[in-house]
Amino acid sequence: MSETWQLQEGVKMDAATAAEIAKIACALKSLSVYTSLAMESEDAPEDLQTIVDEGLDAMARIFVW
């Protein structure tokens, strides 16, 4: 797992699982940027930002970023 993906204190998982979840976290961060840009041009449904934010909140409970 990359040095930039540190687990939150108290989170226990093996390195392989953490590496796979880090891929999801990276995708969510990318989706968050896309969603922000899409919302500016009003091409995305309003609930998309909520869904992305919930995913980012979940990842923040696992990783320090």
N, C-alpha and C. Protein backbone atom coordinates (compact mmCIF):
# COMPACT_ATOMS: atom_id res chain seq x y z
N MET A 1 0.85 -1.17 0.00
CA MET A 1 0.00 0.00 0.00
C MET A 1 0.89 1.23 0.00
N SER A 2 0.48 2.24 -0.70
CA SER A 2 1.25 3.47 -0.81
C SER A 2 1.39 4.15 0.55
N GLU A 3 2.50 4.86 0.73
CA GLU A 3 2.74 5.60 1.96
C GLU A 3 1.65 6.65 2.21
N THR A 4 1.01 7.15 1.15
CA THR A 4 0.02 8.21 1.31
C THR A 4 -1.30 7.70 1.88
N TRP A 5 -1.49 6.40 1.90
CA TRP A 5 -2.75 5.83 2.41
C TRP A 5 -2.49 5.22 3.77
N GLN A 6 -2.63 6.02 4.80
CA GLN A 6 -2.46 5.55 6.16
C GLN A 6 -3.81 5.20 6.75
N LEU A 7 -3.85 4.09 7.47
CA LEU A 7 -5.09 3.70 8.15
C LEU A 7 -5.32 4.60 9.35
N GLN A 8 -6.57 4.88 9.62
CA GLN A 8 -6.92 5.62 10.82
C GLN A 8 -6.53 4.78 12.03
N GLU A 9 -6.24 5.44 13.13
CA GLU A 9 -5.89 4.75 14.36
C GLU A 9 -7.03 3.81 14.76
N GLY A 10 -6.68 2.58 15.06
CA GLY A 10 -7.67 1.59 15.48
C GLY A 10 -8.23 0.75 14.35
N VAL A 11 -7.98 1.14 13.10
CA VAL A 11 -8.46 0.35 11.96
C VAL A 11 -7.47 -0.77 11.71
N LYS A 12 -7.97 -1.99 11.69
CA LYS A 12 -7.12 -3.17 11.49
C LYS A 12 -7.54 -3.89 10.22
N MET A 13 -6.60 -4.07 9.30
CA MET A 13 -6.82 -4.88 8.11
C MET A 13 -5.47 -5.22 7.51
N ASP A 14 -5.44 -6.32 6.78
CA ASP A 14 -4.17 -6.72 6.18
C ASP A 14 -3.83 -5.77 5.03
N ALA A 15 -2.56 -5.78 4.66
CA ALA A 15 -2.06 -4.84 3.65
C ALA A 15 -2.74 -5.02 2.29
N ALA A 16 -3.02 -6.26 1.91
CA ALA A 16 -3.66 -6.51 0.60
C ALA A 16 -5.07 -5.92 0.57
N THR A 17 -5.82 -6.11 1.64
CA THR A 17 -7.18 -5.56 1.71
C THR A 17 -7.12 -4.03 1.72
N ALA A 18 -6.22 -3.48 2.50
CA ALA A 18 -6.08 -2.02 2.56
C ALA A 18 -5.72 -1.45 1.19
N ALA A 19 -4.86 -2.15 0.45
CA ALA A 19 -4.48 -1.68 -0.88
C ALA A 19 -5.68 -1.67 -1.82
N GLU A 20 -6.53 -2.68 -1.74
CA GLU A 20 -7.72 -2.73 -2.59
C GLU A 20 -8.71 -1.63 -2.21
N ILE A 21 -8.90 -1.41 -0.92
CA ILE A 21 -9.81 -0.35 -0.48
C ILE A 21 -9.24 1.01 -0.83
N ALA A 22 -7.92 1.16 -0.81
CA ALA A 22 -7.29 2.43 -1.20
C ALA A 22 -7.61 2.75 -2.66
N LYS A 23 -7.71 1.72 -3.51
CA LYS A 23 -8.09 1.94 -4.92
C LYS A 23 -9.50 2.53 -4.99
N ILE A 24 -10.39 2.02 -4.16
CA ILE A 24 -11.77 2.54 -4.12
C ILE A 24 -11.74 3.98 -3.62
N ALA A 25 -10.96 4.25 -2.59
CA ALA A 25 -10.86 5.61 -2.06
C ALA A 25 -10.35 6.58 -3.12
N CYS A 26 -9.37 6.15 -3.87
CA CYS A 26 -8.82 6.99 -4.94
C CYS A 26 -9.89 7.27 -6.00
N ALA A 27 -10.64 6.25 -6.35
CA ALA A 27 -11.72 6.42 -7.33
C ALA A 27 -12.78 7.38 -6.80
N LEU A 28 -13.11 7.27 -5.51
CA LEU A 28 -14.09 8.17 -4.93
C LEU A 28 -13.61 9.62 -4.94
N LYS A 29 -12.33 9.81 -4.64
CA LYS A 29 -11.79 11.17 -4.68
C LYS A 29 -11.89 11.73 -6.10
N SER A 30 -11.57 10.91 -7.09
CA SER A 30 -11.67 11.34 -8.49
C SER A 30 -13.12 11.65 -8.85
N LEU A 31 -14.02 10.80 -8.42
CA LEU A 31 -15.44 11.02 -8.68
C LEU A 31 -15.92 12.30 -8.01
N SER A 32 -15.38 12.58 -6.84
CA SER A 32 -15.75 13.81 -6.14
C SER A 32 -15.38 15.04 -6.95
N VAL A 33 -14.18 15.04 -7.53
CA VAL A 33 -13.75 16.16 -8.37
C VAL A 33 -14.66 16.29 -9.58
N TYR A 34 -14.92 15.16 -10.24
CA TYR A 34 -15.81 15.16 -11.41
C TYR A 34 -17.19 15.69 -11.04
N THR A 35 -17.72 15.21 -9.92
CA THR A 35 -19.06 15.62 -9.49
C THR A 35 -19.11 17.12 -9.23
N SER A 36 -18.08 17.63 -8.59
CA SER A 36 -18.02 19.08 -8.33
C SER A 36 -18.06 19.86 -9.63
N LEU A 37 -17.29 19.42 -10.61
CA LEU A 37 -17.29 20.10 -11.91
C LEU A 37 -18.62 19.95 -12.63
N ALA A 38 -19.20 18.76 -12.55
CA ALA A 38 -20.49 18.52 -13.21
C ALA A 38 -21.59 19.36 -12.58
N MET A 39 -21.54 19.50 -11.26
CA MET A 39 -22.58 20.28 -10.57
C MET A 39 -22.51 21.75 -10.97
N GLU A 40 -21.30 22.23 -11.24
CA GLU A 40 -21.14 23.62 -11.68
C GLU A 40 -21.84 23.86 -13.01
N SER A 41 -21.82 22.84 -13.87
CA SER A 41 -22.48 23.00 -15.17
C SER A 41 -23.90 22.42 -15.15
N GLU A 42 -24.32 21.95 -14.00
CA GLU A 42 -25.68 21.43 -13.78
C GLU A 42 -26.01 20.25 -14.69
N ASP A 43 -25.00 19.43 -15.01
CA ASP A 43 -25.22 18.24 -15.82
C ASP A 43 -25.46 16.98 -14.99
N ALA A 44 -25.34 17.10 -13.68
CA ALA A 44 -25.44 15.91 -12.82
C ALA A 44 -26.65 16.02 -11.91
N PRO A 45 -27.25 14.89 -11.57
CA PRO A 45 -28.37 14.93 -10.63
C PRO A 45 -27.90 15.39 -9.25
N GLU A 46 -28.76 16.07 -8.55
CA GLU A 46 -28.43 16.66 -7.26
C GLU A 46 -27.98 15.62 -6.24
N ASP A 47 -28.58 14.44 -6.26
CA ASP A 47 -28.25 13.43 -5.26
C ASP A 47 -26.89 12.79 -5.49
N LEU A 48 -26.28 12.99 -6.66
CA LEU A 48 -24.96 12.43 -6.93
C LEU A 48 -23.94 12.98 -5.95
N GLN A 49 -23.97 14.26 -5.66
CA GLN A 49 -23.01 14.85 -4.71
C GLN A 49 -23.18 14.22 -3.34
N THR A 50 -24.41 13.99 -2.91
CA THR A 50 -24.67 13.37 -1.61
C THR A 50 -24.07 11.96 -1.56
N ILE A 51 -24.27 11.19 -2.61
CA ILE A 51 -23.75 9.83 -2.66
C ILE A 51 -22.22 9.83 -2.60
N VAL A 52 -21.61 10.71 -3.37
CA VAL A 52 -20.15 10.82 -3.38
C VAL A 52 -19.64 11.24 -2.00
N ASP A 53 -20.29 12.22 -1.40
CA ASP A 53 -19.87 12.69 -0.08
C ASP A 53 -19.97 11.58 0.96
N GLU A 54 -21.01 10.77 0.90
CA GLU A 54 -21.17 9.65 1.83
C GLU A 54 -20.03 8.65 1.65
N GLY A 55 -19.65 8.39 0.41
CA GLY A 55 -18.53 7.48 0.15
C GLY A 55 -17.22 8.03 0.69
N LEU A 56 -17.00 9.33 0.49
CA LEU A 56 -15.78 9.96 1.00
C LEU A 56 -15.75 9.94 2.52
N ASP A 57 -16.88 10.17 3.15
CA ASP A 57 -16.96 10.10 4.61
C ASP A 57 -16.62 8.70 5.11
N ALA A 58 -17.12 7.68 4.41
CA ALA A 58 -16.82 6.30 4.78
C ALA A 58 -15.32 6.02 4.66
N MET A 59 -14.69 6.49 3.60
CA MET A 59 -13.27 6.27 3.41
C MET A 59 -12.46 7.04 4.47
N ALA A 60 -12.94 8.20 4.88
CA ALA A 60 -12.24 8.98 5.91
C ALA A 60 -12.26 8.27 7.26
N ARG A 61 -13.22 7.39 7.46
CA ARG A 61 -13.25 6.61 8.69
C ARG A 61 -12.22 5.48 8.65
N ILE A 62 -11.73 5.16 7.45
CA ILE A 62 -10.74 4.09 7.30
C ILE A 62 -9.34 4.66 7.14
N PHE A 63 -9.20 5.69 6.30
CA PHE A 63 -7.87 6.24 5.97
C PHE A 63 -7.71 7.64 6.51
N VAL A 64 -6.44 8.00 6.80
CA VAL A 64 -6.07 9.37 7.14
C VAL A 64 -5.76 10.06 5.83
N TRP A 65 -6.43 11.18 5.55
CA TRP A 65 -6.08 11.93 4.35
C TRP A 65 -6.16 13.39 4.53
